[in-house]
N, C-alpha and C. Protein backbone atom coordinates (compact mmCIF):
# COMPACT_ATOMS: atom_id res chain seq x y z
N MET A 1 1.94 -7.90 -1.56
CA MET A 1 1.98 -7.80 0.49
C MET A 1 0.76 -6.77 0.64
N LEU A 2 0.72 -5.43 -0.55
CA LEU A 2 -0.30 -4.34 0.09
C LEU A 2 -1.90 -4.94 -0.08
N PHE A 3 -1.86 -6.09 -1.12
CA PHE A 3 -2.52 -6.36 -1.50
C PHE A 3 -3.22 -7.49 -0.38
N LEU A 4 -2.57 -8.33 -0.33
CA LEU A 4 -2.94 -8.85 0.76
C LEU A 4 -3.12 -7.88 2.21
N ARG A 5 -2.69 -6.78 2.38
CA ARG A 5 -2.86 -6.64 3.79
C ARG A 5 -4.12 -6.25 3.82
N VAL A 6 -4.55 -5.35 2.64
CA VAL A 6 -5.88 -4.49 2.00
C VAL A 6 -7.08 -5.60 2.16
N ILE A 7 -7.14 -7.05 2.00
CA ILE A 7 -7.63 -8.17 1.34
C ILE A 7 -7.95 -8.87 3.72
N LEU A 8 -7.13 -8.48 4.60
CA LEU A 8 -6.74 -9.01 5.76
C LEU A 8 -7.76 -8.20 6.35
N SER A 9 -7.20 -6.49 5.93
CA SER A 9 -8.41 -5.54 6.72
C SER A 9 -9.78 -5.42 7.41
N TRP A 10 -9.91 -6.36 5.68
CA TRP A 10 -11.67 -6.94 5.96
C TRP A 10 -11.99 -7.77 7.11
N LEU A 11 -11.03 -8.68 7.25
CA LEU A 11 -11.23 -10.11 7.31
C LEU A 11 -11.36 -9.45 9.51
N PRO A 12 -11.88 -10.70 10.26
CA PRO A 12 -11.27 -10.85 11.39
C PRO A 12 -10.01 -11.36 11.36
N HIS A 13 -9.52 -10.22 12.84
CA HIS A 13 -8.00 -11.56 12.84
C HIS A 13 -6.67 -10.76 13.45
N ASN A 14 -5.65 -11.29 14.26
CA ASN A 14 -5.24 -11.33 15.56
C ASN A 14 -4.30 -10.46 14.96
N PRO A 15 -3.80 -9.72 15.31
CA PRO A 15 -2.85 -8.42 15.19
C PRO A 15 -1.24 -8.67 15.74
N GLN A 16 -1.41 -9.47 16.58
CA GLN A 16 -0.18 -10.01 17.08
C GLN A 16 -0.34 -11.48 17.15
N GLN A 17 -0.33 -12.15 15.60
CA GLN A 17 -0.12 -12.95 15.38
C GLN A 17 1.13 -12.62 14.30
N PRO A 18 2.36 -13.61 14.11
CA PRO A 18 3.77 -13.30 13.94
C PRO A 18 3.97 -13.19 12.35
N LEU A 19 2.56 -14.22 11.63
CA LEU A 19 2.97 -13.64 10.11
C LEU A 19 1.65 -12.16 10.19
N ILE A 20 1.03 -11.98 10.22
CA ILE A 20 -0.04 -10.69 10.57
C ILE A 20 0.66 -9.44 10.91
N ARG A 21 1.41 -9.33 11.76
CA ARG A 21 2.34 -8.74 12.60
C ARG A 21 3.53 -8.45 11.47
N LEU A 22 3.89 -9.56 10.60
CA LEU A 22 5.19 -9.17 9.92
C LEU A 22 4.69 -8.66 8.75
N LEU A 23 3.76 -8.87 8.09
CA LEU A 23 2.49 -8.26 7.26
C LEU A 23 2.46 -6.41 7.59
N TYR A 24 1.61 -6.41 8.63
CA TYR A 24 2.15 -5.13 8.84
C TYR A 24 3.39 -3.87 9.03
N GLU A 25 4.15 -4.83 9.40
CA GLU A 25 5.95 -4.35 9.38
C GLU A 25 5.65 -4.09 8.01
N GLY A 26 5.90 -5.06 7.33
CA GLY A 26 6.17 -4.94 5.08
C GLY A 26 5.42 -3.75 5.63
N THR A 27 4.34 -3.32 5.48
CA THR A 27 3.74 -2.91 4.59
C THR A 27 3.38 -0.98 5.50
N GLU A 28 3.53 -0.91 6.74
CA GLU A 28 3.30 0.41 7.35
C GLU A 28 4.54 1.78 6.69
N PRO A 29 5.73 0.87 6.40
CA PRO A 29 6.41 2.11 5.70
C PRO A 29 5.96 2.58 4.45
N LEU A 30 5.39 2.05 3.57
CA LEU A 30 4.72 2.72 2.30
C LEU A 30 3.68 2.79 3.52
N LEU A 31 2.41 2.09 3.41
CA LEU A 31 1.21 3.47 3.96
C LEU A 31 1.62 4.77 4.96
N ALA A 32 2.16 4.51 5.76
CA ALA A 32 2.35 5.61 6.63
C ALA A 32 2.31 6.87 6.01
N PRO A 33 3.05 7.20 4.76
CA PRO A 33 3.20 8.23 4.18
C PRO A 33 1.87 8.79 3.54
N PHE A 34 1.11 8.24 2.80
CA PHE A 34 0.02 8.05 2.83
C PHE A 34 -1.36 8.40 3.01
N ARG A 35 -1.75 8.05 4.92
CA ARG A 35 -2.19 8.18 5.61
C ARG A 35 -2.22 9.67 6.15
N ARG A 36 -0.52 10.31 5.86
CA ARG A 36 -0.55 11.78 6.36
C ARG A 36 -0.91 12.67 5.78
N ILE A 37 -1.34 12.30 4.89
CA ILE A 37 -1.93 13.54 3.48
C ILE A 37 -3.65 12.96 3.15
N MET A 38 -3.67 11.45 3.60
CA MET A 38 -5.07 11.14 3.30
C MET A 38 -6.37 12.11 4.39
N PRO A 39 -7.19 12.77 3.97
CA PRO A 39 -7.80 13.16 5.58
C PRO A 39 -8.61 11.61 5.90
N ARG A 40 -8.93 11.82 6.75
CA ARG A 40 -9.33 10.67 7.38
C ARG A 40 -11.50 11.38 6.99
N THR A 41 -12.32 10.19 6.71
CA THR A 41 -13.83 9.80 7.07
C THR A 41 -14.16 9.78 7.08
N ALA A 42 -15.29 9.72 7.25
CA ALA A 42 -16.50 8.89 8.41
C ALA A 42 -16.19 7.39 8.10
N LEU A 43 -16.39 7.43 6.66
CA LEU A 43 -16.24 6.09 6.96
C LEU A 43 -15.60 5.10 7.38
N PRO A 44 -15.69 3.95 7.82
CA PRO A 44 -14.82 3.21 8.33
C PRO A 44 -13.60 2.41 7.56
N VAL A 45 -13.17 3.11 6.49
CA VAL A 45 -12.46 2.78 5.40
C VAL A 45 -11.46 3.47 5.26
N ASP A 46 -10.07 2.83 4.82
CA ASP A 46 -9.03 3.41 4.52
C ASP A 46 -8.84 3.49 3.18
N PHE A 47 -8.44 4.78 2.76
CA PHE A 47 -8.45 4.86 1.43
C PHE A 47 -6.57 4.82 1.28
N SER A 48 -5.50 5.27 1.93
CA SER A 48 -4.52 5.25 1.78
C SER A 48 -4.06 4.25 0.79
N PRO A 49 -4.47 2.57 1.52
CA PRO A 49 -3.67 1.29 0.66
C PRO A 49 -4.41 1.87 -0.78
N LEU A 50 -5.62 2.40 -1.91
CA LEU A 50 -5.80 2.93 -2.65
C LEU A 50 -4.91 3.50 -3.47
N LEU A 51 -4.42 4.56 -2.45
CA LEU A 51 -3.00 5.87 -3.38
C LEU A 51 -2.04 5.08 -3.30
N ALA A 52 -1.79 4.07 -2.46
CA ALA A 52 -0.52 4.03 -2.10
C ALA A 52 -0.12 3.13 -3.64
N PHE A 53 -1.83 2.33 -4.28
CA PHE A 53 -1.46 1.53 -5.41
C PHE A 53 -0.95 2.35 -6.72
N PHE A 54 -1.82 3.55 -6.70
CA PHE A 54 -2.17 4.61 -7.61
C PHE A 54 -0.75 4.70 -8.10
N VAL A 55 0.22 5.06 -7.00
CA VAL A 55 1.40 6.08 -6.64
C VAL A 55 2.36 5.15 -7.55
N LEU A 56 1.85 3.67 -7.13
CA LEU A 56 2.96 3.24 -7.29
C LEU A 56 3.09 2.34 -8.60
N GLY A 57 1.59 2.36 -9.34
CA GLY A 57 1.97 2.40 -10.26
C GLY A 57 2.43 3.42 -11.79
N VAL A 58 2.18 4.19 -10.82
CA VAL A 58 2.66 5.44 -11.52
C VAL A 58 4.55 5.56 -11.82
N ILE A 59 4.87 5.19 -10.01
CA ILE A 59 5.95 5.04 -10.72
C ILE A 59 6.37 3.88 -11.06
N ARG A 60 6.16 2.97 -11.41
CA ARG A 60 6.54 1.50 -11.91
C ARG A 60 6.38 2.35 -13.68
N ASN A 61 5.01 2.63 -14.24
CA ASN A 61 5.60 3.15 -16.34
C ASN A 61 6.80 4.06 -15.44
N LEU A 62 6.44 4.95 -15.48
CA LEU A 62 7.91 5.58 -15.29
C LEU A 62 9.11 5.23 -15.90
N VAL A 63 9.85 4.46 -14.75
CA VAL A 63 10.39 3.64 -14.78
C VAL A 63 11.06 2.35 -15.73
N ILE A 64 9.70 1.88 -16.17
CA ILE A 64 10.08 0.96 -17.42
C ILE A 64 9.82 1.95 -18.76
N ASN A 65 9.10 3.26 -18.97
CA ASN A 65 9.48 3.97 -19.92
C ASN A 65 10.43 4.59 -20.17
N ALA A 66 11.19 5.03 -18.66
CA ALA A 66 12.30 5.59 -18.90
C ALA A 66 13.44 4.22 -19.18
N LEU A 67 13.12 3.30 -19.15
CA LEU A 67 14.32 1.63 -19.25
C LEU A 67 14.35 1.39 -20.94
N MET A 68 13.13 1.72 -21.35
CA MET A 68 12.76 1.73 -22.29
C MET A 68 13.68 2.83 -23.42
N LEU A 69 13.68 4.12 -23.26
CA LEU A 69 13.70 4.52 -23.99
C LEU A 69 15.51 4.57 -24.07
N LEU A 70 15.64 3.98 -22.48
CA LEU A 70 17.26 4.19 -22.30
C LEU A 70 18.07 2.89 -23.42
N LEU A 71 16.83 1.40 -23.53
CA LEU A 71 17.98 0.68 -24.12
C LEU A 71 17.42 1.16 -25.32
N TYR A 72 16.43 0.72 -26.32
CA TYR A 72 16.02 1.56 -27.60
C TYR A 72 16.38 3.11 -28.08
């Protein structure tokens, strides 16, 4: 869902359309904390999804490693 939101941000769209609104409502709780800690840039680019992808990847790797230690 997060990847779809990033792609959608590059395209013209109607944020009031029900599917797009559902996408925004589903991803905003994840992105909001990163937006608070990321400084705004002069560029019209939101870097919070990039940070979210990175943090989710780190968490995924930590969980996988922990499960492997427990199971093997």
